[in-house]
């Protein structure tokens, strides 16, 4: 049996992301990284500690979670979401205060790739199909899970 045919390469992983997960993935021509451009899929990035609280809160409330990427070196998580967030300028300062950002339309989201190795990106929750939670649900969970500032 030829085991090379079953090897996990950036090309085979990219094909899996596209066919099975419905992610518009491609291989960045300059750096060989697997990326998606925000548009059909959205991204919400936050500090890993907050991401863990959000995940735990949603699991406790029995929400179905979608794909979550851990960025190992920067200690951040990115939730892949449906791009249903409104263009509300009041939302940005509240998120900025929490060190949370919404990947802008056309922005690149790097996906875990066998070429990167585990020191770059890993799936906290890997994509298994085309499901992604609502961005509105993740933002509400971020706001509910954010640490409260002490009263002065």
Protein backbone atom coordinates (compact mmCIF):
# COMPACT_ATOMS: atom_id res chain seq x y z
CA UNK A 1 0.00 0.00 0.00
CA UNK A 2 1.34 3.43 -0.92
CA UNK A 3 1.12 5.49 2.28
CA UNK A 4 2.36 8.62 0.50
CA UNK A 5 -1.08 8.89 -1.12
CA UNK A 6 -2.56 9.43 2.34
CA UNK A 7 0.00 11.97 3.57
CA UNK A 8 -1.24 15.16 5.19
CA UNK A 9 0.19 17.98 3.08
CA UNK A 10 -0.87 21.61 2.70
CA UNK A 11 -2.56 20.66 -0.58
CA UNK A 12 -4.54 17.74 0.88
CA UNK A 13 -5.44 19.72 4.00
CA UNK A 14 -6.59 22.65 1.87
CA UNK A 15 -8.75 20.28 -0.20
CA UNK A 16 -10.31 18.91 3.02
CA UNK A 17 -11.05 22.42 4.26
CA UNK A 18 -12.73 23.27 0.94
CA UNK A 19 -14.68 20.07 0.27
CA UNK A 20 -15.68 18.87 3.71
CA UNK A 21 -15.76 22.08 5.75
CA UNK A 22 -16.94 24.58 3.15
CA UNK A 23 -14.04 26.89 3.93
CA UNK A 24 -12.81 28.92 0.93
CA UNK A 25 -9.22 27.94 1.68
CA UNK A 26 -6.24 28.52 -0.54
CA UNK A 27 -2.49 28.33 -0.22
CA UNK A 28 -0.86 31.76 0.02
CA UNK A 29 1.54 31.86 -2.94
CA UNK A 30 4.31 33.78 -1.17
CA UNK A 31 4.51 31.90 2.11
CA UNK A 32 2.75 28.58 1.54
CA UNK A 33 0.37 29.11 4.46
CA UNK A 34 -3.26 27.93 4.21
CA UNK A 35 -5.53 30.96 4.45
CA UNK A 36 -9.11 32.02 3.96
CA UNK A 37 -10.27 35.53 3.20
CA UNK A 38 -13.00 36.85 5.48
CA UNK A 39 -16.25 37.23 3.62
CA UNK A 40 -18.21 34.00 3.38
CA UNK A 41 -16.64 33.12 6.72
CA UNK A 42 -15.99 35.60 9.51
CA UNK A 43 -13.43 35.59 12.27
CA UNK A 44 -13.38 36.95 15.81
CA UNK A 45 -9.97 37.00 17.49
CA UNK A 46 -9.37 37.41 21.22
CA UNK A 47 -6.87 36.61 23.97
CA UNK A 48 -6.72 32.88 24.65
CA UNK A 49 -7.88 33.24 28.27
CA UNK A 50 -11.02 35.07 27.17
CA UNK A 51 -11.50 32.57 24.34
CA UNK A 52 -11.43 29.74 26.87
CA UNK A 53 -14.04 31.50 29.05
CA UNK A 54 -16.25 32.06 26.00
CA UNK A 55 -15.93 28.41 24.96
CA UNK A 56 -16.69 27.19 28.49
CA UNK A 57 -19.69 29.53 28.80
CA UNK A 58 -21.13 28.39 25.48
CA UNK A 59 -20.58 24.71 26.30
CA UNK A 60 -22.22 25.22 29.71
CA UNK A 61 -25.25 26.75 27.96
CA UNK A 62 -25.23 23.82 25.49
CA UNK A 63 -24.48 25.89 22.39
CA UNK A 64 -22.95 24.07 19.45
CA UNK A 65 -19.45 25.33 18.85
CA UNK A 66 -17.77 25.67 15.52
CA UNK A 67 -14.13 25.85 14.56
CA UNK A 68 -11.69 27.64 16.88
CA UNK A 69 -8.04 28.25 16.03
CA UNK A 70 -5.35 28.69 18.70
CA UNK A 71 -2.48 30.96 17.70
CA UNK A 72 0.18 29.45 19.92
CA UNK A 73 2.86 32.15 19.99
CA UNK A 74 0.52 35.12 20.38
CA UNK A 75 -1.76 33.37 22.88
CA UNK A 76 -4.88 34.26 20.90
CA UNK A 77 -7.87 32.34 19.63
CA UNK A 78 -9.91 32.93 16.50
CA UNK A 79 -13.52 31.76 16.31
CA UNK A 80 -14.68 31.08 12.75
CA UNK A 81 -18.24 32.40 12.49
CA UNK A 82 -21.05 33.23 10.12
CA UNK A 83 -20.45 36.82 8.98
CA UNK A 84 -23.67 38.21 10.43
CA UNK A 85 -22.26 41.04 12.53
CA UNK A 86 -23.71 44.49 11.90
CA UNK A 87 -21.51 47.42 10.91
CA UNK A 88 -22.08 49.06 14.29
CA UNK A 89 -19.43 51.63 15.18
CA UNK A 90 -20.44 51.39 18.85
CA UNK A 91 -19.29 47.77 18.94
CA UNK A 92 -15.65 48.48 18.03
CA UNK A 93 -14.61 50.45 21.17
CA UNK A 94 -16.17 47.88 23.50
CA UNK A 95 -14.32 45.06 21.72
CA UNK A 96 -11.07 47.02 21.49
CA UNK A 97 -11.19 47.51 25.26
CA UNK A 98 -11.28 43.70 25.61
CA UNK A 99 -8.50 43.19 23.01
CA UNK A 100 -11.02 41.51 20.71
CA UNK A 101 -11.09 42.14 16.97
CA UNK A 102 -13.36 41.20 14.11
CA UNK A 103 -11.44 40.14 11.03
CA UNK A 104 -12.41 42.73 8.40
CA UNK A 105 -13.98 41.77 5.10
CA UNK A 106 -11.15 40.54 2.85
CA UNK A 107 -8.77 40.05 5.78
CA UNK A 108 -6.79 36.83 5.88
CA UNK A 109 -7.31 34.14 8.48
CA UNK A 110 -4.47 31.61 8.67
CA UNK A 111 -5.61 28.03 9.22
CA UNK A 112 -3.60 25.24 10.82
CA UNK A 113 -1.42 23.56 8.24
CA UNK A 114 0.89 20.56 8.34
CA UNK A 115 3.61 22.82 6.88
CA UNK A 116 3.47 25.16 9.91
CA UNK A 117 3.94 22.60 12.64
CA UNK A 118 2.24 22.71 16.04
CA UNK A 119 4.15 25.79 17.25
CA UNK A 120 2.11 28.15 15.06
CA UNK A 121 -1.58 27.27 14.90
CA UNK A 122 -3.68 24.40 16.20
CA UNK A 123 -7.35 23.61 16.20
CA UNK A 124 -9.01 23.99 19.60
CA UNK A 125 -12.15 22.69 17.91
CA UNK A 126 -11.49 21.50 14.35
CA UNK A 127 -14.00 21.98 11.55
CA UNK A 128 -15.85 18.76 10.79
CA UNK A 129 -18.45 20.17 8.44
CA UNK A 130 -19.81 23.50 7.22
CA UNK A 131 -21.30 24.62 10.56
CA UNK A 132 -20.17 27.93 11.99
CA UNK A 133 -21.89 29.71 14.87
CA UNK A 134 -23.39 33.15 14.53
CA UNK A 135 -20.92 35.97 15.04
CA UNK A 136 -23.62 37.67 17.14
CA UNK A 137 -23.66 34.67 19.50
CA UNK A 138 -19.89 34.77 19.95
CA UNK A 139 -19.87 38.55 20.57
CA UNK A 140 -22.64 38.18 23.17
CA UNK A 141 -20.64 35.42 24.86
CA UNK A 142 -17.51 37.60 24.79
CA UNK A 143 -19.36 40.42 26.49
CA UNK A 144 -20.85 38.02 29.07
CA UNK A 145 -17.51 36.30 29.73
CA UNK A 146 -15.27 39.37 29.86
CA UNK A 147 -13.73 40.15 33.22
CA UNK A 148 -15.51 42.98 35.01
CA UNK A 149 -13.48 45.98 36.04
CA UNK A 150 -13.57 46.73 39.75
CA UNK A 151 -15.72 49.65 40.83
CA UNK A 152 -13.83 52.70 42.02
